[in-house]
Every structure is written in C-alpha cells, then in structure tokens.
C-alpha cells in the first residue's frame, strides 16, 4: 500500500515574521528558524537558503517547513536539494524528502531515471513512491524500464503496486516478463496477477 504521510506538526505560536529570513534561518531559536523557513518559501532566492539550512537542521517542525518551502518552489533545484535525505538513516528525513518530491513530481521527473538505477535498493524502492504521483504515461515508462532490469524482489513489488494504481495497459508485457523472472517469489507473482487484472479492466475497449 502507498506510504501515508503523518499530519504535520503544529506550528509554533506567537512567532512574528522575521525582518531578515536569510539571517533568521540560522537563528538559535527553532521558532525563529521555522518562521524564516516559511518566509523564504516565497522569496525568489529562498531555495538556496532552504537547501543549505536543510543540511544542518535538527528540529522536526523546522525541517517540515523547509521541505514544504522547497516543494512549493517546485523547481529542479529544490528537488535536488531534498534528494540526499532519501539516503538518511533518519526516518523522518526520508519521509520528509519523499513527501516533498511527491508534492512536486514534475520538478522531480528529470531526476527519477537516475534514482531508479541507484545502487541502493532502498532509494529505488522509495523512488517508486515518487513515480506514483506522475501521469500514467510517465509512470509506465519509468517503471516498465525498472521492472525489466531490477534484481531486488522488494523493489519489483513496489513498482508493481504503483503500476496497479497509476499505470496503464502498456505495462502488461513488462509485468509478464517480471513474473517469469521471479517465478520463485509467489507473493510477487500474486501482486503481478492482481495488477494485470486491474490494468486489463481499465484498458479502453476496441
């Protein structure tokens, strides 16, 4: 099933907008940094400052504000800023990065092919969740290519799940090939069967 985002942390109360958000993002007080992150989200030069702050921020609420600001910018630069967090040992950082990328899928799109061949299978698996937010044609193209080369059964399972919900009938041949390659993984075979039935049912009738 898709990863579910937890509700955002409540904002600090009684915090005034900073006079200089570029200085405020490095303030000692987390509430001031939170307010600065919110202000930088709407600043033309804010992405660079938010990206730099993300690399050192430890407060969960401030990180959420930074991720929200980067996803609101929805540029390739803001997508690139969150990518290192997909490799973090901190689960909240990985989740924040994933949520941010899913919120700006078209900005992330040029980066996804490389992520789907990343040496780390966990990165490939998480990237499947980002692909879920793309239009079906883009999702199919990326995940079909992934299925035809993927060696990790869990990554294939993640791709199959996304295809079953966000794909189209053009993925059916790749699903069959994947089932043949992983014939000794019954749970994947079952998932592929379910996905194929859904895609066939949704295909336009001639």
N, C-alpha and C. Protein backbone atom coordinates (compact mmCIF):
# COMPACT_ATOMS: atom_id res chain seq x y z
N UNK A 1 0.84 -1.18 0.00
CA UNK A 1 0.00 0.00 0.00
C UNK A 1 0.88 1.24 0.00
N UNK A 2 0.37 2.40 -0.50
CA UNK A 2 1.19 3.59 -0.54
C UNK A 2 1.58 4.06 0.85
N UNK A 3 2.74 4.72 0.92
CA UNK A 3 3.18 5.27 2.18
C UNK A 3 2.27 6.44 2.55
N UNK A 4 1.83 6.47 3.80
CA UNK A 4 0.90 7.50 4.26
C UNK A 4 1.66 8.55 5.05
N UNK A 5 1.46 9.79 4.69
CA UNK A 5 2.14 10.87 5.37
C UNK A 5 1.45 11.16 6.69
N UNK A 6 2.23 11.32 7.74
CA UNK A 6 1.64 11.70 9.02
C UNK A 6 1.26 13.18 8.98
N UNK A 7 0.29 13.61 9.82
CA UNK A 7 -0.09 15.02 9.83
C UNK A 7 1.09 15.89 10.23
N UNK A 8 1.21 17.10 9.66
CA UNK A 8 2.32 17.96 10.02
C UNK A 8 2.26 18.38 11.47
N UNK A 9 3.42 18.67 12.05
CA UNK A 9 3.47 19.14 13.43
C UNK A 9 2.82 20.52 13.52
N UNK A 10 2.16 20.81 14.65
CA UNK A 10 1.55 22.14 14.78
C UNK A 10 2.60 23.23 14.77
N UNK A 11 2.30 24.37 14.17
CA UNK A 11 3.27 25.45 14.11
C UNK A 11 3.50 26.08 15.47
N UNK A 12 4.65 26.70 15.67
CA UNK A 12 4.88 27.45 16.91
C UNK A 12 3.88 28.59 17.01
N UNK A 13 3.53 28.96 18.23
CA UNK A 13 2.58 30.05 18.44
C UNK A 13 3.31 31.32 18.82
N UNK A 14 2.72 32.46 18.45
CA UNK A 14 3.27 33.74 18.84
C UNK A 14 4.59 34.10 18.20
N UNK A 15 4.82 33.62 16.96
CA UNK A 15 6.08 33.90 16.27
C UNK A 15 5.83 34.94 15.18
N UNK A 16 6.55 36.05 15.25
CA UNK A 16 6.40 37.10 14.24
C UNK A 16 7.24 36.78 13.01
N UNK A 17 6.80 37.22 11.83
CA UNK A 17 7.62 37.04 10.63
C UNK A 17 8.97 37.73 10.81
N UNK A 18 10.04 37.11 10.36
CA UNK A 18 11.37 37.70 10.57
C UNK A 18 11.61 38.88 9.64
N UNK A 19 12.36 39.87 10.15
CA UNK A 19 12.73 41.01 9.30
C UNK A 19 13.68 40.56 8.19
N UNK A 20 14.57 39.63 8.52
CA UNK A 20 15.53 39.11 7.55
C UNK A 20 15.50 37.59 7.60
N UNK A 21 14.72 36.94 6.74
CA UNK A 21 14.62 35.47 6.82
C UNK A 21 15.93 34.77 6.52
N UNK A 22 16.82 35.40 5.75
CA UNK A 22 18.11 34.77 5.43
C UNK A 22 18.99 34.68 6.67
N UNK A 23 18.85 35.62 7.57
CA UNK A 23 19.55 35.54 8.85
C UNK A 23 18.75 34.67 9.83
N UNK A 24 17.43 34.78 9.77
CA UNK A 24 16.59 34.05 10.70
C UNK A 24 16.67 32.55 10.55
N UNK A 25 16.99 32.04 9.36
CA UNK A 25 17.04 30.60 9.15
C UNK A 25 18.20 29.97 9.91
N UNK A 26 19.14 30.79 10.38
CA UNK A 26 20.25 30.29 11.18
C UNK A 26 20.14 30.72 12.65
N UNK A 27 18.98 31.22 13.06
CA UNK A 27 18.79 31.69 14.43
C UNK A 27 18.92 30.53 15.43
N UNK A 28 19.22 30.88 16.67
CA UNK A 28 19.37 29.85 17.70
C UNK A 28 18.02 29.25 18.08
N UNK A 29 16.97 30.04 18.02
CA UNK A 29 15.65 29.59 18.44
C UNK A 29 14.93 28.89 17.29
N UNK A 30 14.42 27.68 17.54
CA UNK A 30 13.77 26.90 16.50
C UNK A 30 12.53 27.60 15.96
N UNK A 31 11.80 28.31 16.82
CA UNK A 31 10.61 29.02 16.36
C UNK A 31 10.97 30.11 15.35
N UNK A 32 12.09 30.78 15.59
CA UNK A 32 12.54 31.80 14.64
C UNK A 32 12.96 31.17 13.31
N UNK A 33 13.60 30.01 13.39
CA UNK A 33 14.01 29.34 12.15
C UNK A 33 12.78 28.88 11.38
N UNK A 34 11.77 28.40 12.10
CA UNK A 34 10.52 27.99 11.46
C UNK A 34 9.89 29.15 10.71
N UNK A 35 9.80 30.31 11.36
CA UNK A 35 9.22 31.49 10.73
C UNK A 35 10.04 31.91 9.51
N UNK A 36 11.36 31.82 9.62
CA UNK A 36 12.23 32.18 8.50
C UNK A 36 12.02 31.22 7.33
N UNK A 37 11.90 29.93 7.62
CA UNK A 37 11.68 28.95 6.56
C UNK A 37 10.37 29.23 5.83
N UNK A 38 9.34 29.60 6.58
CA UNK A 38 8.07 29.94 5.95
C UNK A 38 8.20 31.17 5.05
N UNK A 39 8.96 32.15 5.51
CA UNK A 39 9.13 33.36 4.72
C UNK A 39 9.99 33.11 3.48
N UNK A 40 11.01 32.28 3.61
CA UNK A 40 11.89 32.00 2.48
C UNK A 40 11.18 31.25 1.36
N UNK A 41 10.13 30.53 1.71
CA UNK A 41 9.40 29.77 0.70
C UNK A 41 8.85 30.66 -0.39
N UNK A 42 8.59 31.92 -0.07
CA UNK A 42 8.02 32.85 -1.04
C UNK A 42 9.04 33.84 -1.57
N UNK A 43 10.31 33.63 -1.23
CA UNK A 43 11.35 34.55 -1.67
C UNK A 43 12.01 34.02 -2.94
N UNK A 44 12.25 34.87 -3.93
CA UNK A 44 12.86 34.39 -5.19
C UNK A 44 14.18 33.66 -5.01
N UNK A 45 14.95 34.06 -4.00
CA UNK A 45 16.24 33.42 -3.76
C UNK A 45 16.20 32.46 -2.58
N UNK A 46 15.00 32.07 -2.20
CA UNK A 46 14.86 31.28 -0.99
C UNK A 46 15.31 29.83 -1.09
N UNK A 47 15.28 29.26 -2.30
CA UNK A 47 15.59 27.83 -2.44
C UNK A 47 17.01 27.52 -1.96
N UNK A 48 17.96 28.34 -2.35
CA UNK A 48 19.35 28.09 -1.94
C UNK A 48 19.49 28.14 -0.43
N UNK A 49 18.85 29.12 0.20
CA UNK A 49 18.93 29.24 1.66
C UNK A 49 18.25 28.06 2.35
N UNK A 50 17.11 27.63 1.82
CA UNK A 50 16.41 26.49 2.40
C UNK A 50 17.21 25.21 2.23
N UNK A 51 17.81 25.03 1.06
CA UNK A 51 18.61 23.83 0.82
C UNK A 51 19.80 23.78 1.77
N UNK A 52 20.44 24.91 1.98
CA UNK A 52 21.58 24.95 2.89
C UNK A 52 21.14 24.67 4.32
N UNK A 53 20.00 25.23 4.71
CA UNK A 53 19.51 25.02 6.08
C UNK A 53 19.10 23.57 6.32
N UNK A 54 18.55 22.94 5.30
CA UNK A 54 18.09 21.56 5.45
C UNK A 54 19.24 20.64 5.84
N UNK A 55 20.43 20.91 5.34
CA UNK A 55 21.57 20.02 5.60
C UNK A 55 22.01 20.02 7.05
N UNK A 56 21.59 21.02 7.82
CA UNK A 56 22.04 21.09 9.22
C UNK A 56 20.89 21.14 10.22
N UNK A 57 19.64 21.25 9.75
CA UNK A 57 18.51 21.41 10.67
C UNK A 57 18.20 20.11 11.41
N UNK A 58 17.92 20.22 12.71
CA UNK A 58 17.60 19.05 13.52
C UNK A 58 16.19 19.09 14.10
N UNK A 59 15.57 20.23 14.11
CA UNK A 59 14.22 20.35 14.67
C UNK A 59 13.19 19.86 13.64
N UNK A 60 12.31 18.97 14.07
CA UNK A 60 11.36 18.34 13.15
C UNK A 60 10.43 19.36 12.52
N UNK A 61 9.90 20.29 13.32
CA UNK A 61 8.96 21.27 12.77
C UNK A 61 9.63 22.19 11.75
N UNK A 62 10.86 22.57 12.05
CA UNK A 62 11.58 23.44 11.11
C UNK A 62 11.87 22.69 9.81
N UNK A 63 12.25 21.41 9.94
CA UNK A 63 12.51 20.63 8.73
C UNK A 63 11.25 20.50 7.90
N UNK A 64 10.11 20.31 8.54
CA UNK A 64 8.86 20.22 7.79
C UNK A 64 8.59 21.51 7.03
N UNK A 65 8.87 22.65 7.67
CA UNK A 65 8.67 23.94 7.00
C UNK A 65 9.63 24.09 5.82
N UNK A 66 10.86 23.62 5.98
CA UNK A 66 11.84 23.69 4.90
C UNK A 66 11.40 22.81 3.73
N UNK A 67 11.01 21.58 4.03
CA UNK A 67 10.53 20.69 2.96
C UNK A 67 9.32 21.30 2.25
N UNK A 68 8.41 21.89 3.03
CA UNK A 68 7.22 22.49 2.43
C UNK A 68 7.60 23.65 1.51
N UNK A 69 8.58 24.45 1.94
CA UNK A 69 9.02 25.56 1.11
C UNK A 69 9.68 25.11 -0.17
N UNK A 70 10.50 24.07 -0.07
CA UNK A 70 11.16 23.55 -1.26
C UNK A 70 10.15 22.95 -2.24
N UNK A 71 9.16 22.24 -1.71
CA UNK A 71 8.17 21.65 -2.61
C UNK A 71 7.27 22.71 -3.22
N UNK A 72 7.05 23.81 -2.49
CA UNK A 72 6.24 24.89 -3.05
C UNK A 72 6.98 25.57 -4.21
N UNK A 73 8.30 25.67 -4.10
CA UNK A 73 9.08 26.25 -5.18
C UNK A 73 8.99 25.38 -6.43
N UNK A 74 9.00 24.07 -6.23
CA UNK A 74 8.78 23.10 -7.33
C UNK A 74 9.70 23.34 -8.52
N UNK A 75 10.98 23.47 -8.24
CA UNK A 75 11.98 23.60 -9.30
C UNK A 75 12.92 22.40 -9.24
N UNK A 76 13.68 22.20 -10.31
CA UNK A 76 14.66 21.12 -10.28
C UNK A 76 15.65 21.34 -9.13
N UNK A 77 16.02 22.59 -8.90
CA UNK A 77 16.96 22.90 -7.82
C UNK A 77 16.39 22.49 -6.47
N UNK A 78 15.11 22.75 -6.24
CA UNK A 78 14.52 22.38 -4.96
C UNK A 78 14.37 20.87 -4.84
N UNK A 79 14.09 20.19 -5.96
CA UNK A 79 14.04 18.72 -5.92
C UNK A 79 15.42 18.14 -5.62
N UNK A 80 16.45 18.69 -6.24
CA UNK A 80 17.81 18.21 -5.98
C UNK A 80 18.21 18.42 -4.53
N UNK A 81 17.68 19.47 -3.91
CA UNK A 81 18.06 19.78 -2.53
C UNK A 81 17.61 18.71 -1.55
N UNK A 82 16.49 18.04 -1.85
CA UNK A 82 15.96 17.06 -0.89
C UNK A 82 16.47 15.64 -1.16
N UNK A 83 17.08 15.40 -2.32
CA UNK A 83 17.49 14.05 -2.67
C UNK A 83 18.43 13.40 -1.65
N UNK A 84 19.44 14.11 -1.11
CA UNK A 84 20.33 13.45 -0.15
C UNK A 84 19.60 12.87 1.06
N UNK A 85 18.45 13.44 1.39
CA UNK A 85 17.70 12.96 2.56
C UNK A 85 17.10 11.57 2.33
N UNK A 86 16.94 11.15 1.08
CA UNK A 86 16.45 9.80 0.81
C UNK A 86 17.42 8.74 1.31
N UNK A 87 18.68 9.12 1.50
CA UNK A 87 19.70 8.17 1.96
C UNK A 87 19.94 8.25 3.45
N UNK A 88 19.21 9.12 4.13
CA UNK A 88 19.45 9.34 5.55
C UNK A 88 19.04 8.13 6.39
N UNK A 89 19.74 7.94 7.51
CA UNK A 89 19.34 6.92 8.48
C UNK A 89 18.16 7.40 9.33
N UNK A 90 17.85 8.68 9.24
CA UNK A 90 16.75 9.28 10.00
C UNK A 90 15.45 9.08 9.22
N UNK A 91 14.53 8.31 9.78
CA UNK A 91 13.28 8.01 9.08
C UNK A 91 12.47 9.26 8.80
N UNK A 92 12.49 10.24 9.70
CA UNK A 92 11.71 11.46 9.47
C UNK A 92 12.27 12.26 8.31
N UNK A 93 13.58 12.24 8.13
CA UNK A 93 14.18 12.92 6.99
C UNK A 93 13.80 12.23 5.68
N UNK A 94 13.86 10.89 5.67
CA UNK A 94 13.48 10.16 4.46
C UNK A 94 12.02 10.44 4.10
N UNK A 95 11.15 10.43 5.12
CA UNK A 95 9.74 10.67 4.87
C UNK A 95 9.51 12.10 4.38
N UNK A 96 10.21 13.06 4.98
CA UNK A 96 10.07 14.44 4.56
C UNK A 96 10.50 14.64 3.11
N UNK A 97 11.61 14.01 2.75
CA UNK A 97 12.09 14.12 1.38
C UNK A 97 11.10 13.47 0.41
N UNK A 98 10.59 12.32 0.77
CA UNK A 98 9.63 11.63 -0.08
C UNK A 98 8.37 12.45 -0.28
N UNK A 99 7.84 13.03 0.81
CA UNK A 99 6.65 13.86 0.71
C UNK A 99 6.90 15.07 -0.17
N UNK A 100 8.08 15.68 -0.02
CA UNK A 100 8.40 16.86 -0.81
C UNK A 100 8.47 16.52 -2.30
N UNK A 101 9.11 15.42 -2.63
CA UNK A 101 9.23 15.02 -4.03
C UNK A 101 7.87 14.66 -4.62
N UNK A 102 7.03 13.99 -3.83
CA UNK A 102 5.70 13.66 -4.33
C UNK A 102 4.84 14.90 -4.53
N UNK A 103 5.15 15.97 -3.80
CA UNK A 103 4.40 17.22 -3.95
C UNK A 103 4.85 18.02 -5.17
N UNK A 104 6.00 17.68 -5.74
CA UNK A 104 6.49 18.37 -6.94
C UNK A 104 6.98 17.35 -7.97
N UNK A 105 6.10 16.43 -8.39
CA UNK A 105 6.55 15.31 -9.23
C UNK A 105 7.14 15.74 -10.57
N UNK A 106 6.61 16.80 -11.17
CA UNK A 106 7.13 17.18 -12.47
C UNK A 106 8.49 17.86 -12.34
N UNK A 107 8.75 18.51 -11.22
CA UNK A 107 10.08 19.06 -10.98
C UNK A 107 11.08 17.93 -10.74
N UNK A 108 10.61 16.86 -10.10
CA UNK A 108 11.48 15.73 -9.81
C UNK A 108 11.67 14.81 -11.01
N UNK A 109 10.77 14.88 -11.98
CA UNK A 109 10.77 13.93 -13.10
C UNK A 109 12.14 13.77 -13.77
N UNK A 110 12.88 14.83 -14.08
CA UNK A 110 14.18 14.63 -14.75
C UNK A 110 15.19 13.87 -13.90
N UNK A 111 14.97 13.82 -12.59
CA UNK A 111 15.92 13.16 -11.68
C UNK A 111 15.57 11.69 -11.45
N UNK A 112 14.36 11.30 -11.79
CA UNK A 112 13.89 9.96 -11.43
C UNK A 112 14.60 8.83 -12.17
N UNK A 113 14.91 8.96 -13.46
CA UNK A 113 15.61 7.84 -14.11
C UNK A 113 16.91 7.46 -13.41
N UNK A 114 17.67 8.45 -12.96
CA UNK A 114 18.92 8.15 -12.26
C UNK A 114 18.64 7.52 -10.89
N UNK A 115 17.62 8.00 -10.21
CA UNK A 115 17.28 7.42 -8.90
C UNK A 115 16.84 5.96 -9.04
N UNK A 116 16.20 5.63 -10.14
CA UNK A 116 15.70 4.27 -10.33
C UNK A 116 16.80 3.29 -10.73
N UNK A 117 18.01 3.79 -10.96
CA UNK A 117 19.15 2.89 -11.16
C UNK A 117 20.18 3.09 -10.06
N UNK A 118 19.77 3.73 -8.99
CA UNK A 118 20.69 3.97 -7.87
C UNK A 118 21.19 2.64 -7.30
N UNK A 119 22.45 2.57 -6.87
CA UNK A 119 22.96 1.31 -6.32
C UNK A 119 22.23 0.85 -5.05
N UNK A 120 21.61 1.79 -4.33
CA UNK A 120 20.92 1.45 -3.09
C UNK A 120 19.48 1.04 -3.40
N UNK A 121 19.12 -0.21 -3.13
CA UNK A 121 17.75 -0.65 -3.44
C UNK A 121 16.69 0.12 -2.66
N UNK A 122 17.04 0.61 -1.46
CA UNK A 122 16.07 1.39 -0.70
C UNK A 122 15.72 2.69 -1.41
N UNK A 123 16.71 3.30 -2.05
CA UNK A 123 16.45 4.52 -2.82
C UNK A 123 15.56 4.20 -4.01
N UNK A 124 15.82 3.09 -4.68
CA UNK A 124 14.98 2.71 -5.82
C UNK A 124 13.55 2.45 -5.36
N UNK A 125 13.42 1.80 -4.22
CA UNK A 125 12.08 1.49 -3.71
C UNK A 125 11.33 2.77 -3.37
N UNK A 126 11.98 3.71 -2.67
CA UNK A 126 11.33 4.97 -2.32
C UNK A 126 10.97 5.77 -3.57
N UNK A 127 11.81 5.69 -4.58
CA UNK A 127 11.55 6.44 -5.81
C UNK A 127 10.28 5.95 -6.50
N UNK A 128 9.96 4.68 -6.34
CA UNK A 128 8.70 4.18 -6.89
C UNK A 128 7.51 4.96 -6.34
N UNK A 129 7.61 5.37 -5.07
CA UNK A 129 6.53 6.15 -4.47
C UNK A 129 6.42 7.53 -5.09
N UNK A 130 7.54 8.11 -5.50
CA UNK A 130 7.50 9.40 -6.18
C UNK A 130 6.85 9.23 -7.55
N UNK A 131 7.17 8.14 -8.23
CA UNK A 131 6.61 7.87 -9.55
C UNK A 131 5.08 7.77 -9.48
N UNK A 132 4.58 7.34 -8.35
CA UNK A 132 3.12 7.21 -8.18
C UNK A 132 2.39 8.52 -8.47
N UNK A 133 3.04 9.65 -8.24
CA UNK A 133 2.40 10.95 -8.41
C UNK A 133 2.44 11.45 -9.85
N UNK A 134 3.10 10.73 -10.73
CA UNK A 134 3.24 11.18 -12.12
C UNK A 134 2.02 10.80 -12.96
N UNK A 135 1.86 11.43 -14.12
CA UNK A 135 0.82 10.97 -15.06
C UNK A 135 1.09 9.53 -15.48
N UNK A 136 0.05 8.76 -15.82
CA UNK A 136 0.23 7.34 -16.14
C UNK A 136 1.28 7.05 -17.20
N UNK A 137 1.35 7.85 -18.26
CA UNK A 137 2.32 7.58 -19.32
C UNK A 137 3.75 7.67 -18.80
N UNK A 138 4.02 8.68 -17.98
CA UNK A 138 5.36 8.83 -17.40
C UNK A 138 5.65 7.71 -16.41
N UNK A 139 4.66 7.39 -15.58
CA UNK A 139 4.84 6.33 -14.59
C UNK A 139 5.14 5.00 -15.27
N UNK A 140 4.39 4.68 -16.31
CA UNK A 140 4.60 3.42 -17.01
C UNK A 140 5.98 3.35 -17.64
N UNK A 141 6.39 4.40 -18.30
CA UNK A 141 7.69 4.39 -18.97
C UNK A 141 8.81 4.14 -17.99
N UNK A 142 8.76 4.80 -16.83
CA UNK A 142 9.82 4.64 -15.85
C UNK A 142 9.80 3.27 -15.19
N UNK A 143 8.61 2.80 -14.81
CA UNK A 143 8.53 1.55 -14.06
C UNK A 143 8.67 0.32 -14.94
N UNK A 144 8.25 0.40 -16.19
CA UNK A 144 8.49 -0.71 -17.10
C UNK A 144 9.99 -0.92 -17.29
N UNK A 145 10.72 0.18 -17.48
CA UNK A 145 12.18 0.08 -17.61
C UNK A 145 12.80 -0.49 -16.34
N UNK A 146 12.27 -0.07 -15.19
CA UNK A 146 12.78 -0.60 -13.92
C UNK A 146 12.54 -2.10 -13.81
N UNK A 147 11.32 -2.54 -14.11
CA UNK A 147 11.00 -3.96 -13.97
C UNK A 147 11.87 -4.85 -14.85
N UNK A 148 12.23 -4.36 -16.01
CA UNK A 148 13.00 -5.18 -16.93
C UNK A 148 14.46 -5.35 -16.54
N UNK A 149 14.93 -4.55 -15.57
CA UNK A 149 16.33 -4.69 -15.16
C UNK A 149 16.50 -4.97 -13.66
N UNK A 150 15.43 -4.82 -12.89
CA UNK A 150 15.55 -4.88 -11.43
C UNK A 150 15.86 -6.30 -10.95
N UNK A 151 16.76 -6.39 -9.97
CA UNK A 151 17.15 -7.68 -9.41
C UNK A 151 16.62 -7.92 -8.01
N UNK A 152 16.10 -6.87 -7.36
CA UNK A 152 15.59 -6.99 -6.00
C UNK A 152 14.08 -7.19 -6.03
N UNK A 153 13.63 -8.27 -5.43
CA UNK A 153 12.21 -8.60 -5.50
C UNK A 153 11.36 -7.55 -4.81
N UNK A 154 11.85 -6.96 -3.71
CA UNK A 154 11.05 -5.96 -2.99
C UNK A 154 10.88 -4.69 -3.81
N UNK A 155 11.88 -4.32 -4.58
CA UNK A 155 11.76 -3.15 -5.44
C UNK A 155 10.75 -3.44 -6.55
N UNK A 156 10.81 -4.63 -7.11
CA UNK A 156 9.83 -5.02 -8.12
C UNK A 156 8.42 -4.97 -7.54
N UNK A 157 8.26 -5.44 -6.33
CA UNK A 157 6.94 -5.43 -5.70
C UNK A 157 6.43 -4.01 -5.54
N UNK A 158 7.33 -3.08 -5.16
CA UNK A 158 6.91 -1.68 -5.04
C UNK A 158 6.50 -1.12 -6.39
N UNK A 159 7.25 -1.43 -7.43
CA UNK A 159 6.92 -0.95 -8.77
C UNK A 159 5.59 -1.52 -9.24
N UNK A 160 5.36 -2.80 -8.98
CA UNK A 160 4.11 -3.45 -9.40
C UNK A 160 2.92 -2.80 -8.70
N UNK A 161 3.07 -2.51 -7.43
CA UNK A 161 1.98 -1.88 -6.69
C UNK A 161 1.63 -0.52 -7.28
N UNK A 162 2.66 0.26 -7.58
CA UNK A 162 2.41 1.58 -8.16
C UNK A 162 1.77 1.44 -9.54
N UNK A 163 2.26 0.52 -10.35
CA UNK A 163 1.69 0.32 -11.68
C UNK A 163 0.22 -0.08 -11.60
N UNK A 164 -0.13 -0.87 -10.61
CA UNK A 164 -1.52 -1.32 -10.49
C UNK A 164 -2.47 -0.16 -10.22
N UNK A 165 -1.95 0.93 -9.64
CA UNK A 165 -2.79 2.07 -9.29
C UNK A 165 -2.59 3.26 -10.22
N UNK A 166 -1.38 3.43 -10.73
CA UNK A 166 -1.07 4.64 -11.50
C UNK A 166 -0.64 4.34 -12.93
N UNK A 167 -0.65 3.07 -13.32
CA UNK A 167 -0.18 2.71 -14.65
C UNK A 167 -1.31 2.55 -15.64
N UNK A 168 -0.97 1.97 -16.78
CA UNK A 168 -1.97 1.67 -17.79
C UNK A 168 -1.60 0.34 -18.46
N UNK A 169 -2.38 -0.07 -19.44
CA UNK A 169 -2.23 -1.40 -20.03
C UNK A 169 -0.91 -1.59 -20.75
N UNK A 170 -0.20 -0.51 -21.05
CA UNK A 170 1.10 -0.67 -21.73
C UNK A 170 2.12 -1.37 -20.84
N UNK A 171 1.84 -1.46 -19.54
CA UNK A 171 2.76 -2.12 -18.61
C UNK A 171 2.58 -3.64 -18.58
N UNK A 172 1.55 -4.17 -19.22
CA UNK A 172 1.24 -5.61 -19.10
C UNK A 172 2.38 -6.51 -19.58
N UNK A 173 3.03 -6.25 -20.72
CA UNK A 173 4.13 -7.13 -21.13
C UNK A 173 5.28 -7.16 -20.12
N UNK A 174 5.61 -6.02 -19.56
CA UNK A 174 6.70 -5.98 -18.57
C UNK A 174 6.31 -6.74 -17.31
N UNK A 175 5.04 -6.66 -16.94
CA UNK A 175 4.58 -7.41 -15.77
C UNK A 175 4.73 -8.92 -16.02
N UNK A 176 4.38 -9.36 -17.21
CA UNK A 176 4.51 -10.79 -17.53
C UNK A 176 5.98 -11.22 -17.49
N UNK A 177 6.86 -10.41 -18.05
CA UNK A 177 8.28 -10.74 -18.03
C UNK A 177 8.82 -10.80 -16.61
N UNK A 178 8.36 -9.89 -15.78
CA UNK A 178 8.81 -9.88 -14.39
C UNK A 178 8.34 -11.13 -13.66
N UNK A 179 7.11 -11.53 -13.91
CA UNK A 179 6.58 -12.74 -13.27
C UNK A 179 7.40 -13.96 -13.67
N UNK A 180 7.82 -14.02 -14.90
CA UNK A 180 8.63 -15.15 -15.37
C UNK A 180 10.01 -15.16 -14.70
N UNK A 181 10.61 -13.99 -14.56
CA UNK A 181 11.94 -13.91 -13.95
C UNK A 181 11.93 -14.23 -12.47
N UNK A 182 10.83 -13.92 -11.79
CA UNK A 182 10.74 -14.15 -10.35
C UNK A 182 9.69 -15.22 -10.06
N UNK A 183 9.72 -16.29 -10.83
CA UNK A 183 8.73 -17.35 -10.66
C UNK A 183 8.81 -18.01 -9.29
N UNK A 184 9.96 -17.87 -8.62
CA UNK A 184 10.12 -18.48 -7.29
C UNK A 184 9.72 -17.53 -6.16
N UNK A 185 9.06 -16.41 -6.49
CA UNK A 185 8.59 -15.46 -5.47
C UNK A 185 7.07 -15.37 -5.56
N UNK A 186 6.36 -16.28 -4.87
CA UNK A 186 4.90 -16.34 -5.03
C UNK A 186 4.18 -15.04 -4.69
N UNK A 187 4.65 -14.32 -3.68
CA UNK A 187 3.94 -13.10 -3.30
C UNK A 187 4.02 -12.07 -4.42
N UNK A 188 5.15 -12.02 -5.13
CA UNK A 188 5.27 -11.10 -6.25
C UNK A 188 4.40 -11.55 -7.41
N UNK A 189 4.36 -12.86 -7.65
CA UNK A 189 3.50 -13.38 -8.70
C UNK A 189 2.04 -13.02 -8.47
N UNK A 190 1.61 -13.12 -7.21
CA UNK A 190 0.22 -12.77 -6.88
C UNK A 190 -0.02 -11.27 -7.11
N UNK A 191 0.93 -10.44 -6.68
CA UNK A 191 0.79 -9.00 -6.87
C UNK A 191 0.72 -8.64 -8.35
N UNK A 192 1.53 -9.32 -9.15
CA UNK A 192 1.52 -9.07 -10.60
C UNK A 192 0.19 -9.49 -11.20
N UNK A 193 -0.34 -10.60 -10.76
CA UNK A 193 -1.64 -11.07 -11.27
C UNK A 193 -2.73 -10.05 -10.97
N UNK A 194 -2.75 -9.53 -9.73
CA UNK A 194 -3.75 -8.53 -9.35
C UNK A 194 -3.58 -7.27 -10.17
N UNK A 195 -2.32 -6.82 -10.32
CA UNK A 195 -2.05 -5.60 -11.09
C UNK A 195 -2.49 -5.78 -12.54
N UNK A 196 -2.18 -6.92 -13.13
CA UNK A 196 -2.55 -7.17 -14.52
C UNK A 196 -4.06 -7.15 -14.70
N UNK A 197 -4.78 -7.73 -13.75
CA UNK A 197 -6.24 -7.73 -13.84
C UNK A 197 -6.80 -6.31 -13.79
N UNK A 198 -6.24 -5.49 -12.91
CA UNK A 198 -6.70 -4.10 -12.80
C UNK A 198 -6.43 -3.34 -14.10
N UNK A 199 -5.23 -3.52 -14.64
CA UNK A 199 -4.88 -2.78 -15.84
C UNK A 199 -5.69 -3.24 -17.04
N UNK A 200 -5.93 -4.52 -17.12
CA UNK A 200 -6.75 -5.03 -18.22
C UNK A 200 -8.16 -4.51 -18.12
N UNK A 201 -8.70 -4.44 -16.89
CA UNK A 201 -10.06 -3.98 -16.68
C UNK A 201 -10.20 -2.49 -17.03
N UNK A 202 -9.11 -1.73 -16.84
CA UNK A 202 -9.18 -0.29 -17.09
C UNK A 202 -8.82 0.09 -18.52
N UNK A 203 -8.37 -0.90 -19.30
CA UNK A 203 -7.95 -0.61 -20.69
C UNK A 203 -9.16 -0.26 -21.55
N UNK A 204 -9.05 0.73 -22.42
CA UNK A 204 -10.16 1.07 -23.31
C UNK A 204 -10.51 -0.12 -24.21
N UNK A 205 -11.79 -0.35 -24.40
CA UNK A 205 -12.24 -1.45 -25.25
C UNK A 205 -12.27 -1.01 -26.72
N UNK A 206 -11.82 -1.90 -27.58
CA UNK A 206 -11.79 -1.56 -29.01
C UNK A 206 -13.20 -1.48 -29.56
